[in-house]
Amino acid sequence: MSYININEIEAGMVTAGEVKDIRGRVILGKGQTISEKHLRIFKMWGVSEANIEGVNKEDITKRTTEKIEPERHNALSEELERNFKHTDASSMVIKELRRLALIRSIRMEIDANAD
């Protein structure tokens, strides 16, 4: 169970806590199965993340990276290495930024190829 970015949440996942809007109002209660309608509502009401049962950030990263060829994944990872070469690789913040940057790069690649 972990807080997951709204763009990584999928229909069928179950909330591990209340989902609240940017003003703290409850949009969906704990233990509810998320539908496509919920995802649209979350985005409309400014929900940026939610606590999801049985899913962690590593699962999301793995799921996303499996959507592209290993060679392309390696190329994107090498590009990120160059972009982050002057950062502290042991920093938890930098590790999370790198993870998010990789996921974003992969999603952009998938979207570009879908057109």
PDB file of N, CA and C in Angstrom:
ATOM      1  N   MET A   1       0.853  -1.167   0.000  1.00  0.00           N
ATOM      2  CA  MET A   1       0.000   0.000   0.000  1.00  0.00           C
ATOM      3  C   MET A   1       0.898   1.228   0.000  1.00  0.00           C
ATOM      4  N   SER A   2       0.560   2.152  -0.917  1.00  0.00           N
ATOM      5  CA  SER A   2       1.413   3.319  -1.074  1.00  0.00           C
ATOM      6  C   SER A   2       0.640   4.433  -1.763  1.00  0.00           C
ATOM      7  N   TYR A   3       1.090   5.669  -1.563  1.00  0.00           N
ATOM      8  CA  TYR A   3       0.501   6.784  -2.287  1.00  0.00           C
ATOM      9  C   TYR A   3       1.014   6.740  -3.715  1.00  0.00           C
ATOM     10  N   ILE A   4       0.091   6.736  -4.646  1.00  0.00           N
ATOM     11  CA  ILE A   4       0.403   6.599  -6.060  1.00  0.00           C
ATOM     12  C   ILE A   4      -0.100   7.836  -6.800  1.00  0.00           C
ATOM     13  N   ASN A   5       0.715   8.350  -7.720  1.00  0.00           N
ATOM     14  CA  ASN A   5       0.338   9.491  -8.537  1.00  0.00           C
ATOM     15  C   ASN A   5      -0.931   9.172  -9.319  1.00  0.00           C
ATOM     16  N   ILE A   6      -1.783  10.171  -9.482  1.00  0.00           N
ATOM     17  CA  ILE A   6      -3.066   9.988 -10.166  1.00  0.00           C
ATOM     18  C   ILE A   6      -2.901   9.395 -11.563  1.00  0.00           C
ATOM     19  N   ASN A   7      -1.811   9.738 -12.245  1.00  0.00           N
ATOM     20  CA  ASN A   7      -1.581   9.224 -13.595  1.00  0.00           C
ATOM     21  C   ASN A   7      -1.191   7.750 -13.608  1.00  0.00           C
ATOM     22  N   GLU A   8      -0.869   7.201 -12.457  1.00  0.00           N
ATOM     23  CA  GLU A   8      -0.480   5.800 -12.355  1.00  0.00           C
ATOM     24  C   GLU A   8      -1.612   4.921 -11.828  1.00  0.00           C
ATOM     25  N   ILE A   9      -2.708   5.555 -11.402  1.00  0.00           N
ATOM     26  CA  ILE A   9      -3.838   4.800 -10.866  1.00  0.00           C
ATOM     27  C   ILE A   9      -4.685   4.284 -12.015  1.00  0.00           C
ATOM     28  N   GLU A  10      -5.147   3.054 -11.881  1.00  0.00           N
ATOM     29  CA  GLU A  10      -5.950   2.423 -12.920  1.00  0.00           C
ATOM     30  C   GLU A  10      -7.281   1.969 -12.351  1.00  0.00           C
ATOM     31  N   ALA A  11      -8.266   1.878 -13.231  1.00  0.00           N
ATOM     32  CA  ALA A  11      -9.572   1.344 -12.838  1.00  0.00           C
ATOM     33  C   ALA A  11      -9.365  -0.075 -12.306  1.00  0.00           C
ATOM     34  N   GLY A  12     -10.093  -0.411 -11.251  1.00  0.00           N
ATOM     35  CA  GLY A  12      -9.987  -1.730 -10.645  1.00  0.00           C
ATOM     36  C   GLY A  12      -9.124  -1.746  -9.385  1.00  0.00           C
ATOM     37  N   MET A  13      -8.281  -0.727  -9.207  1.00  0.00           N
ATOM     38  CA  MET A  13      -7.489  -0.637  -7.977  1.00  0.00           C
ATOM     39  C   MET A  13      -8.411  -0.270  -6.822  1.00  0.00           C
ATOM     40  N   VAL A  14      -7.985  -0.594  -5.605  1.00  0.00           N
ATOM     41  CA  VAL A  14      -8.797  -0.369  -4.410  1.00  0.00           C
ATOM     42  C   VAL A  14      -8.102   0.647  -3.506  1.00  0.00           C
ATOM     43  N   THR A  15      -8.884   1.591  -3.001  1.00  0.00           N
ATOM     44  CA  THR A  15      -8.328   2.626  -2.129  1.00  0.00           C
ATOM     45  C   THR A  15      -7.976   2.039  -0.760  1.00  0.00           C
ATOM     46  N   ALA A  16      -6.823   2.448  -0.235  1.00  0.00           N
ATOM     47  CA  ALA A  16      -6.395   2.017   1.097  1.00  0.00           C
ATOM     48  C   ALA A  16      -6.688   3.104   2.126  1.00  0.00           C
ATOM     49  N   GLY A  17      -7.203   4.205   1.662  1.00  0.00           N
ATOM     50  CA  GLY A  17      -7.575   5.330   2.517  1.00  0.00           C
ATOM     51  C   GLY A  17      -8.517   6.224   1.736  1.00  0.00           C
ATOM     52  N   GLU A  18      -9.035   7.228   2.405  1.00  0.00           N
ATOM     53  CA  GLU A  18      -9.926   8.156   1.716  1.00  0.00           C
ATOM     54  C   GLU A  18      -9.167   8.929   0.648  1.00  0.00           C
ATOM     55  N   VAL A  19      -9.834   9.171  -0.476  1.00  0.00           N
ATOM     56  CA  VAL A  19      -9.272  10.005  -1.534  1.00  0.00           C
ATOM     57  C   VAL A  19      -9.893  11.380  -1.357  1.00  0.00           C
ATOM     58  N   LYS A  20      -9.022  12.390  -1.197  1.00  0.00           N
ATOM     59  CA  LYS A  20      -9.502  13.745  -0.926  1.00  0.00           C
ATOM     60  C   LYS A  20      -9.079  14.693  -2.032  1.00  0.00           C
ATOM     61  N   ASP A  21      -9.905  15.728  -2.246  1.00  0.00           N
ATOM     62  CA  ASP A  21      -9.551  16.748  -3.225  1.00  0.00           C
ATOM     63  C   ASP A  21      -8.535  17.714  -2.626  1.00  0.00           C
ATOM     64  N   ILE A  22      -8.165  18.756  -3.379  1.00  0.00           N
ATOM     65  CA  ILE A  22      -7.129  19.674  -2.911  1.00  0.00           C
ATOM     66  C   ILE A  22      -7.551  20.481  -1.693  1.00  0.00           C
ATOM     67  N   ARG A  23      -8.842  20.513  -1.396  1.00  0.00           N
ATOM     68  CA  ARG A  23      -9.333  21.226  -0.213  1.00  0.00           C
ATOM     69  C   ARG A  23      -9.606  20.299   0.967  1.00  0.00           C
ATOM     70  N   GLY A  24      -9.316  19.020   0.785  1.00  0.00           N
ATOM     71  CA  GLY A  24      -9.488  18.075   1.881  1.00  0.00           C
ATOM     72  C   GLY A  24     -10.847  17.409   1.947  1.00  0.00           C
ATOM     73  N   ARG A  25     -11.699  17.643   0.957  1.00  0.00           N
ATOM     74  CA  ARG A  25     -13.014  16.995   0.937  1.00  0.00           C
ATOM     75  C   ARG A  25     -12.871  15.567   0.418  1.00  0.00           C
ATOM     76  N   VAL A  26     -13.589  14.663   1.059  1.00  0.00           N
ATOM     77  CA  VAL A  26     -13.519  13.249   0.674  1.00  0.00           C
ATOM     78  C   VAL A  26     -14.270  13.050  -0.643  1.00  0.00           C
ATOM     79  N   ILE A  27     -13.558  12.482  -1.616  1.00  0.00           N
ATOM     80  CA  ILE A  27     -14.130  12.182  -2.928  1.00  0.00           C
ATOM     81  C   ILE A  27     -14.544  10.713  -2.988  1.00  0.00           C
ATOM     82  N   LEU A  28     -13.735   9.841  -2.387  1.00  0.00           N
ATOM     83  CA  LEU A  28     -14.019   8.409  -2.385  1.00  0.00           C
ATOM     84  C   LEU A  28     -13.486   7.817  -1.088  1.00  0.00           C
ATOM     85  N   GLY A  29     -14.264   6.952  -0.481  1.00  0.00           N
ATOM     86  CA  GLY A  29     -13.887   6.359   0.800  1.00  0.00           C
ATOM     87  C   GLY A  29     -12.885   5.228   0.696  1.00  0.00           C
ATOM     88  N   LYS A  30     -12.394   4.837   1.851  1.00  0.00           N
ATOM     89  CA  LYS A  30     -11.447   3.725   1.968  1.00  0.00           C
ATOM     90  C   LYS A  30     -12.114   2.419   1.561  1.00  0.00           C
ATOM     91  N   GLY A  31     -11.359   1.562   0.872  1.00  0.00           N
ATOM     92  CA  GLY A  31     -11.847   0.236   0.502  1.00  0.00           C
ATOM     93  C   GLY A  31     -12.733   0.208  -0.726  1.00  0.00           C
ATOM     94  N   GLN A  32     -12.768   1.292  -1.465  1.00  0.00           N
ATOM     95  CA  GLN A  32     -13.623   1.376  -2.658  1.00  0.00           C
ATOM     96  C   GLN A  32     -12.818   1.015  -3.913  1.00  0.00           C
ATOM     97  N   THR A  33     -13.469   0.343  -4.838  1.00  0.00           N
ATOM     98  CA  THR A  33     -12.848   0.013  -6.108  1.00  0.00           C
ATOM     99  C   THR A  33     -12.965   1.215  -7.039  1.00  0.00           C
ATOM    100  N   ILE A  34     -11.860   1.596  -7.619  1.00  0.00           N
ATOM    101  CA  ILE A  34     -11.811   2.772  -8.486  1.00  0.00           C
ATOM    102  C   ILE A  34     -12.288   2.407  -9.886  1.00  0.00           C
ATOM    103  N   SER A  35     -13.151   3.248 -10.412  1.00  0.00           N
ATOM    104  CA  SER A  35     -13.660   3.058 -11.778  1.00  0.00           C
ATOM    105  C   SER A  35     -13.096   4.155 -12.687  1.00  0.00           C
ATOM    106  N   GLU A  36     -13.357   4.050 -13.983  1.00  0.00           N
ATOM    107  CA  GLU A  36     -12.946   5.090 -14.930  1.00  0.00           C
ATOM    108  C   GLU A  36     -13.611   6.423 -14.568  1.00  0.00           C
ATOM    109  N   LYS A  37     -14.853   6.357 -14.119  1.00  0.00           N
ATOM    110  CA  LYS A  37     -15.571   7.570 -13.717  1.00  0.00           C
ATOM    111  C   LYS A  37     -14.857   8.240 -12.540  1.00  0.00           C
ATOM    112  N   HIS A  38     -14.420   7.444 -11.573  1.00  0.00           N
ATOM    113  CA  HIS A  38     -13.681   7.989 -10.428  1.00  0.00           C
ATOM    114  C   HIS A  38     -12.410   8.695 -10.896  1.00  0.00           C
ATOM    115  N   LEU A  39     -11.697   8.080 -11.843  1.00  0.00           N
ATOM    116  CA  LEU A  39     -10.456   8.671 -12.336  1.00  0.00           C
ATOM    117  C   LEU A  39     -10.720  10.039 -12.965  1.00  0.00           C
ATOM    118  N   ARG A  40     -11.793  10.161 -13.730  1.00  0.00           N
ATOM    119  CA  ARG A  40     -12.153  11.457 -14.324  1.00  0.00           C
ATOM    120  C   ARG A  40     -12.481  12.476 -13.237  1.00  0.00           C
ATOM    121  N   ILE A  41     -13.224  12.046 -12.232  1.00  0.00           N
ATOM    122  CA  ILE A  41     -13.600  12.939 -11.121  1.00  0.00           C
ATOM    123  C   ILE A  41     -12.361  13.372 -10.346  1.00  0.00           C
ATOM    124  N   PHE A  42     -11.454  12.448 -10.091  1.00  0.00           N
ATOM    125  CA  PHE A  42     -10.220  12.794  -9.379  1.00  0.00           C
ATOM    126  C   PHE A  42      -9.486  13.921 -10.106  1.00  0.00           C
ATOM    127  N   LYS A  43      -9.351  13.787 -11.409  1.00  0.00           N
ATOM    128  CA  LYS A  43      -8.633  14.794 -12.188  1.00  0.00           C
ATOM    129  C   LYS A  43      -9.371  16.130 -12.181  1.00  0.00           C
ATOM    130  N   MET A  44     -10.690  16.092 -12.273  1.00  0.00           N
ATOM    131  CA  MET A  44     -11.473  17.331 -12.263  1.00  0.00           C
ATOM    132  C   MET A  44     -11.356  18.056 -10.930  1.00  0.00           C
ATOM    133  N   TRP A  45     -11.254  17.306  -9.835  1.00  0.00           N
ATOM    134  CA  TRP A  45     -11.226  17.901  -8.504  1.00  0.00           C
ATOM    135  C   TRP A  45      -9.815  18.076  -7.953  1.00  0.00           C
ATOM    136  N   GLY A  46      -8.814  17.906  -8.770  1.00  0.00           N
ATOM    137  CA  GLY A  46      -7.446  18.213  -8.361  1.00  0.00           C
ATOM    138  C   GLY A  46      -6.768  17.184  -7.479  1.00  0.00           C
ATOM    139  N   VAL A  47      -7.233  15.957  -7.516  1.00  0.00           N
ATOM    140  CA  VAL A  47      -6.576  14.895  -6.745  1.00  0.00           C
ATOM    141  C   VAL A  47      -5.260  14.570  -7.443  1.00  0.00           C
ATOM    142  N   SER A  48      -4.163  14.619  -6.711  1.00  0.00           N
ATOM    143  CA  SER A  48      -2.860  14.355  -7.323  1.00  0.00           C
ATOM    144  C   SER A  48      -2.335  12.953  -7.015  1.00  0.00           C
ATOM    145  N   GLU A  49      -2.808  12.349  -5.930  1.00  0.00           N
ATOM    146  CA  GLU A  49      -2.375  11.005  -5.561  1.00  0.00           C
ATOM    147  C   GLU A  49      -3.404  10.362  -4.650  1.00  0.00           C
ATOM    148  N   ALA A  50      -3.295   9.054  -4.517  1.00  0.00           N
ATOM    149  CA  ALA A  50      -4.193   8.323  -3.634  1.00  0.00           C
ATOM    150  C   ALA A  50      -3.455   7.137  -3.040  1.00  0.00           C
ATOM    151  N   ASN A  51      -3.891   6.730  -1.853  1.00  0.00           N
ATOM    152  CA  ASN A  51      -3.329   5.576  -1.181  1.00  0.00           C
ATOM    153  C   ASN A  51      -4.040   4.341  -1.719  1.00  0.00           C
ATOM    154  N   ILE A  52      -3.274   3.443  -2.345  1.00  0.00           N
ATOM    155  CA  ILE A  52      -3.842   2.294  -3.041  1.00  0.00           C
ATOM    156  C   ILE A  52      -3.383   0.999  -2.382  1.00  0.00           C
ATOM    157  N   GLU A  53      -4.318   0.072  -2.203  1.00  0.00           N
ATOM    158  CA  GLU A  53      -4.003  -1.232  -1.603  1.00  0.00           C
ATOM    159  C   GLU A  53      -3.182  -2.087  -2.547  1.00  0.00           C
ATOM    160  N   GLY A  54      -2.187  -2.753  -2.002  1.00  0.00           N
ATOM    161  CA  GLY A  54      -1.450  -3.773  -2.742  1.00  0.00           C
ATOM    162  C   GLY A  54      -0.580  -3.273  -3.877  1.00  0.00           C
ATOM    163  N   VAL A  55      -0.366  -1.971  -3.972  1.00  0.00           N
ATOM    164  CA  VAL A  55       0.456  -1.427  -5.048  1.00  0.00           C
ATOM    165  C   VAL A  55       1.495  -0.495  -4.438  1.00  0.00           C
ATOM    166  N   ASN A  56       2.726  -0.619  -4.897  1.00  0.00           N
ATOM    167  CA  ASN A  56       3.749   0.322  -4.450  1.00  0.00           C
ATOM    168  C   ASN A  56       4.430   0.941  -5.664  1.00  0.00           C
ATOM    169  N   LYS A  57       5.278   1.890  -5.434  1.00  0.00           N
ATOM    170  CA  LYS A  57       5.920   2.621  -6.528  1.00  0.00           C
ATOM    171  C   LYS A  57       6.769   1.704  -7.404  1.00  0.00           C
ATOM    172  N   GLU A  58       7.380   0.708  -6.817  1.00  0.00           N
ATOM    173  CA  GLU A  58       8.200  -0.219  -7.590  1.00  0.00           C
ATOM    174  C   GLU A  58       7.340  -1.018  -8.565  1.00  0.00           C
ATOM    175  N   ASP A  59       6.127  -1.402  -8.124  1.00  0.00           N
ATOM    176  CA  ASP A  59       5.203  -2.112  -9.010  1.00  0.00           C
ATOM    177  C   ASP A  59       4.838  -1.250 -10.218  1.00  0.00           C
ATOM    178  N   ILE A  60       4.564   0.021  -9.951  1.00  0.00           N
ATOM    179  CA  ILE A  60       4.191   0.951 -11.015  1.00  0.00           C
ATOM    180  C   ILE A  60       5.348   1.108 -11.996  1.00  0.00           C
ATOM    181  N   THR A  61       6.548   1.266 -11.467  1.00  0.00           N
ATOM    182  CA  THR A  61       7.723   1.424 -12.329  1.00  0.00           C
ATOM    183  C   THR A  61       7.905   0.184 -13.193  1.00  0.00           C
ATOM    184  N   LYS A  62       7.796  -0.986 -12.589  1.00  0.00           N
ATOM    185  CA  LYS A  62       7.965  -2.237 -13.333  1.00  0.00           C
ATOM    186  C   LYS A  62       6.905  -2.372 -14.413  1.00  0.00           C
ATOM    187  N   ARG A  63       5.649  -2.100 -14.069  1.00  0.00           N
ATOM    188  CA  ARG A  63       4.555  -2.186 -15.028  1.00  0.00           C
ATOM    189  C   ARG A  63       4.773  -1.261 -16.219  1.00  0.00           C
ATOM    190  N   THR A  64       5.261  -0.067 -15.928  1.00  0.00           N
ATOM    191  CA  THR A  64       5.476   0.919 -16.983  1.00  0.00           C
ATOM    192  C   THR A  64       6.647   0.528 -17.868  1.00  0.00           C
ATOM    193  N   THR A  65       7.759   0.106 -17.266  1.00  0.00           N
ATOM    194  CA  THR A  65       8.943  -0.220 -18.060  1.00  0.00           C
ATOM    195  C   THR A  65       8.737  -1.455 -18.930  1.00  0.00           C
ATOM    196  N   GLU A  66       7.807  -2.324 -18.561  1.00  0.00           N
ATOM    197  CA  GLU A  66       7.535  -3.514 -19.365  1.00  0.00           C
ATOM    198  C   GLU A  66       6.796  -3.184 -20.661  1.00  0.00           C
ATOM    199  N   LYS A  67       6.334  -1.944 -20.798  1.00  0.00           N
ATOM    200  CA  LYS A  67       5.564  -1.542 -21.981  1.00  0.00           C
ATOM    201  C   LYS A  67       6.441  -1.163 -23.169  1.00  0.00           C
ATOM    202  N   ILE A  68       7.764  -1.084 -22.967  1.00  0.00           N
ATOM    203  CA  ILE A  68       8.661  -0.759 -24.076  1.00  0.00           C
ATOM    204  C   ILE A  68       9.744  -1.822 -24.195  1.00  0.00           C
ATOM    205  N   GLU A  69      10.400  -1.823 -25.343  1.00  0.00           N
ATOM    206  CA  GLU A  69      11.473  -2.784 -25.593  1.00  0.00           C
ATOM    207  C   GLU A  69      12.652  -2.525 -24.648  1.00  0.00           C
ATOM    208  N   PRO A  70      13.333  -3.574 -24.225  1.00  0.00           N
ATOM    209  CA  PRO A  70      14.473  -3.408 -23.321  1.00  0.00           C
ATOM    210  C   PRO A  70      15.551  -2.468 -23.867  1.00  0.00           C
ATOM    211  N   GLU A  71      15.799  -2.521 -25.174  1.00  0.00           N
ATOM    212  CA  GLU A  71      16.816  -1.652 -25.768  1.00  0.00           C
ATOM    213  C   GLU A  71      16.434  -0.183 -25.612  1.00  0.00           C
ATOM    214  N   ARG A  72      15.155   0.120 -25.824  1.00  0.00           N
ATOM    215  CA  ARG A  72      14.698   1.507 -25.702  1.00  0.00           C
ATOM    216  C   ARG A  72      14.720   1.945 -24.239  1.00  0.00           C
ATOM    217  N   HIS A  73      14.367   1.038 -23.345  1.00  0.00           N
ATOM    218  CA  HIS A  73      14.438   1.316 -21.907  1.00  0.00           C
ATOM    219  C   HIS A  73      15.867   1.675 -21.513  1.00  0.00           C
ATOM    220  N   ASN A  74      16.826   0.897 -22.018  1.00  0.00           N
ATOM    221  CA  ASN A  74      18.231   1.167 -21.714  1.00  0.00           C
ATOM    222  C   ASN A  74      18.665   2.524 -22.253  1.00  0.00           C
ATOM    223  N   ALA A  75      18.221   2.867 -23.461  1.00  0.00           N
ATOM    224  CA  ALA A  75      18.582   4.158 -24.049  1.00  0.00           C
ATOM    225  C   ALA A  75      18.015   5.311 -23.224  1.00  0.00           C
ATOM    226  N   LEU A  76      16.770   5.179 -22.794  1.00  0.00           N
ATOM    227  CA  LEU A  76      16.167   6.225 -21.957  1.00  0.00           C
ATOM    228  C   LEU A  76      16.881   6.327 -20.613  1.00  0.00           C
ATOM    229  N   SER A  77      17.251   5.198 -20.042  1.00  0.00           N
ATOM    230  CA  SER A  77      17.973   5.187 -18.768  1.00  0.00           C
ATOM    231  C   SER A  77      19.336   5.861 -18.902  1.00  0.00           C
ATOM    232  N   GLU A  78      20.026   5.600 -20.005  1.00  0.00           N
ATOM    233  CA  GLU A  78      21.331   6.234 -20.239  1.00  0.00           C
ATOM    234  C   GLU A  78      21.175   7.741 -20.396  1.00  0.00           C
ATOM    235  N   GLU A  79      20.137   8.165 -21.080  1.00  0.00           N
ATOM    236  CA  GLU A  79      19.888   9.599 -21.242  1.00  0.00           C
ATOM    237  C   GLU A  79      19.639  10.250 -19.877  1.00  0.00           C
ATOM    238  N   LEU A  80      18.855   9.584 -19.037  1.00  0.00           N
ATOM    239  CA  LEU A  80      18.601  10.110 -17.692  1.00  0.00           C
ATOM    240  C   LEU A  80      19.887  10.160 -16.871  1.00  0.00           C
ATOM    241  N   GLU A  81      20.749   9.167 -17.044  1.00  0.00           N
ATOM    242  CA  GLU A  81      22.039   9.163 -16.340  1.00  0.00           C
ATOM    243  C   GLU A  81      22.809  10.434 -16.662  1.00  0.00           C
ATOM    244  N   ARG A  82      22.828  10.804 -17.941  1.00  0.00           N
ATOM    245  CA  ARG A  82      23.535  12.026 -18.341  1.00  0.00           C
ATOM    246  C   ARG A  82      22.880  13.258 -17.716  1.00  0.00           C
ATOM    247  N   ASN A  83      21.561  13.280 -17.669  1.00  0.00           N
ATOM    248  CA  ASN A  83      20.846  14.429 -17.110  1.00  0.00           C
ATOM    249  C   ASN A  83      21.030  14.560 -15.598  1.00  0.00           C
ATOM    250  N   PHE A  84      21.249  13.449 -14.928  1.00  0.00           N
ATOM    251  CA  PHE A  84      21.368  13.456 -13.471  1.00  0.00           C
ATOM    252  C   PHE A  84      22.811  13.247 -12.996  1.00  0.00           C
ATOM    253  N   LYS A  85      23.778  13.368 -13.889  1.00  0.00           N
ATOM    254  CA  LYS A  85      25.160  13.032 -13.538  1.00  0.00           C
ATOM    255  C   LYS A  85      25.752  13.910 -12.443  1.00  0.00           C
ATOM    256  N   HIS A  86      25.238  15.112 -12.258  1.00  0.00           N
ATOM    257  CA  HIS A  86      25.787  16.006 -11.235  1.00  0.00           C
ATOM    258  C   HIS A  86      24.944  16.023  -9.959  1.00  0.00           C
ATOM    259  N   THR A  87      24.153  15.001  -9.755  1.00  0.00           N
ATOM    260  CA  THR A  87      23.304  14.931  -8.571  1.00  0.00           C
ATOM    261  C   THR A  87      23.807  13.839  -7.628  1.00  0.00           C
ATOM    262  N   ASP A  88      23.312  13.862  -6.414  1.00  0.00           N
ATOM    263  CA  ASP A  88      23.664  12.875  -5.404  1.00  0.00           C
ATOM    264  C   ASP A  88      22.765  11.650  -5.572  1.00  0.00           C
ATOM    265  N   ALA A  89      23.281  10.611  -6.190  1.00  0.00           N
ATOM    266  CA  ALA A  89      22.504   9.408  -6.495  1.00  0.00           C
ATOM    267  C   ALA A  89      22.005   8.685  -5.242  1.00  0.00           C
ATOM    268  N   SER A  90      22.573   8.966  -4.090  1.00  0.00           N
ATOM    269  CA  SER A  90      22.134   8.299  -2.867  1.00  0.00           C
ATOM    270  C   SER A  90      20.958   9.034  -2.204  1.00  0.00           C
ATOM    271  N   SER A  91      20.648  10.227  -2.675  1.00  0.00           N
ATOM    272  CA  SER A  91      19.554  11.013  -2.105  1.00  0.00           C
ATOM    273  C   SER A  91      18.206  10.394  -2.457  1.00  0.00           C
ATOM    274  N   MET A  92      17.341  10.254  -1.457  1.00  0.00           N
ATOM    275  CA  MET A  92      16.010   9.690  -1.683  1.00  0.00           C
ATOM    276  C   MET A  92      15.202  10.559  -2.648  1.00  0.00           C
ATOM    277  N   VAL A  93      15.361  11.865  -2.551  1.00  0.00           N
ATOM    278  CA  VAL A  93      14.645  12.786  -3.435  1.00  0.00           C
ATOM    279  C   VAL A  93      15.110  12.589  -4.876  1.00  0.00           C
ATOM    280  N   ILE A  94      16.399  12.503  -5.086  1.00  0.00           N
ATOM    281  CA  ILE A  94      16.943  12.303  -6.432  1.00  0.00           C
ATOM    282  C   ILE A  94      16.508  10.952  -6.990  1.00  0.00           C
ATOM    283  N   LYS A  95      16.519   9.923  -6.160  1.00  0.00           N
ATOM    284  CA  LYS A  95      16.071   8.597  -6.610  1.00  0.00           C
ATOM    285  C   LYS A  95      14.623   8.657  -7.102  1.00  0.00           C
ATOM    286  N   GLU A  96      13.770   9.352  -6.348  1.00  0.00           N
ATOM    287  CA  GLU A  96      12.368   9.462  -6.744  1.00  0.00           C
ATOM    288  C   GLU A  96      12.227  10.301  -8.013  1.00  0.00           C
ATOM    289  N   LEU A  97      12.974  11.383  -8.120  1.00  0.00           N
ATOM    290  CA  LEU A  97      12.933  12.199  -9.336  1.00  0.00           C
ATOM    291  C   LEU A  97      13.368  11.401 -10.559  1.00  0.00           C
ATOM    292  N   ARG A  98      14.392  10.598 -10.398  1.00  0.00           N
ATOM    293  CA  ARG A  98      14.865   9.756 -11.510  1.00  0.00           C
ATOM    294  C   ARG A  98      13.804   8.731 -11.895  1.00  0.00           C
ATOM    295  N   ARG A  99      13.169   8.130 -10.906  1.00  0.00           N
ATOM    296  CA  ARG A  99      12.113   7.148 -11.183  1.00  0.00           C
ATOM    297  C   ARG A  99      10.973   7.807 -11.947  1.00  0.00           C
ATOM    298  N   LEU A 100      10.545   8.969 -11.468  1.00  0.00           N
ATOM    299  CA  LEU A 100       9.447   9.682 -12.125  1.00  0.00           C
ATOM    300  C   LEU A 100       9.839  10.143 -13.524  1.00  0.00           C
ATOM    301  N   ALA A 101      11.081  10.585 -13.690  1.00  0.00           N
ATOM    302  CA  ALA A 101      11.551  11.014 -15.006  1.00  0.00           C
ATOM    303  C   ALA A 101      11.562   9.844 -15.986  1.00  0.00           C
ATOM    304  N   LEU A 102      11.962   8.672 -15.520  1.00  0.00           N
ATOM    305  CA  LEU A 102      11.966   7.492 -16.388  1.00  0.00           C
ATOM    306  C   LEU A 102      10.542   7.124 -16.794  1.00  0.00           C
ATOM    307  N   ILE A 103       9.633   7.111 -15.839  1.00  0.00           N
ATOM    308  CA  ILE A 103       8.238   6.787 -16.142  1.00  0.00           C
ATOM    309  C   ILE A 103       7.670   7.781 -17.146  1.00  0.00           C
ATOM    310  N   ARG A 104       7.943   9.057 -16.925  1.00  0.00           N
ATOM    311  CA  ARG A 104       7.445  10.084 -17.853  1.00  0.00           C
ATOM    312  C   ARG A 104       8.028   9.896 -19.252  1.00  0.00           C
ATOM    313  N   SER A 105       9.316   9.611 -19.329  1.00  0.00           N
ATOM    314  CA  SER A 105       9.953   9.392 -20.626  1.00  0.00           C
ATOM    315  C   SER A 105       9.336   8.206 -21.360  1.00  0.00           C
ATOM    316  N   ILE A 106       9.084   7.146 -20.624  1.00  0.00           N
ATOM    317  CA  ILE A 106       8.475   5.953 -21.230  1.00  0.00           C
ATOM    318  C   ILE A 106       7.069   6.275 -21.714  1.00  0.00           C
ATOM    319  N   ARG A 107       6.285   6.965 -20.898  1.00  0.00           N
ATOM    320  CA  ARG A 107       4.922   7.315 -21.307  1.00  0.00           C
ATOM    321  C   ARG A 107       4.915   8.212 -22.536  1.00  0.00           C
ATOM    322  N   MET A 108       5.851   9.150 -22.589  1.00  0.00           N
ATOM    323  CA  MET A 108       5.948  10.023 -23.758  1.00  0.00           C
ATOM    324  C   MET A 108       6.303   9.210 -25.002  1.00  0.00           C
ATOM    325  N   GLU A 109       7.185   8.250 -24.846  1.00  0.00           N
ATOM    326  CA  GLU A 109       7.573   7.364 -25.944  1.00  0.00           C
ATOM    327  C   GLU A 109       6.371   6.553 -26.426  1.00  0.00           C
ATOM    328  N   ILE A 110       5.639   6.001 -25.499  1.00  0.00           N
ATOM    329  CA  ILE A 110       4.455   5.196 -25.853  1.00  0.00           C
ATOM    330  C   ILE A 110       3.421   6.077 -26.566  1.00  0.00           C
ATOM    331  N   ASP A 111       3.162   7.272 -26.038  1.00  0.00           N
ATOM    332  CA  ASP A 111       2.209   8.177 -26.658  1.00  0.00           C
ATOM    333  C   ASP A 111       2.642   8.587 -28.061  1.00  0.00           C
ATOM    334  N   ALA A 112       3.940   8.847 -28.240  1.00  0.00           N
ATOM    335  CA  ALA A 112       4.452   9.251 -29.556  1.00  0.00           C
ATOM    336  C   ALA A 112       4.292   8.134 -30.573  1.00  0.00           C
ATOM    337  N   ASN A 113       4.483   6.903 -30.137  1.00  0.00           N
ATOM    338  CA  ASN A 113       4.356   5.761 -31.051  1.00  0.00           C
ATOM    339  C   ASN A 113       2.921   5.380 -31.331  1.00  0.00           C
ATOM    340  N   ALA A 114       2.004   5.835 -30.463  1.00  0.00           N
ATOM    341  CA  ALA A 114       0.582   5.514 -30.641  1.00  0.00           C
ATOM    342  C   ALA A 114      -0.053   6.359 -31.727  1.00  0.00           C
ATOM    343  N   ASP A 115       0.563   7.506 -32.024  1.00  0.00           N
ATOM    344  CA  ASP A 115      -0.003   8.406 -33.033  1.00  0.00           C
ATOM    345  C   ASP A 115       0.257   7.968 -34.412  1.00  0.00           C
TER     346      ASP A 115
END
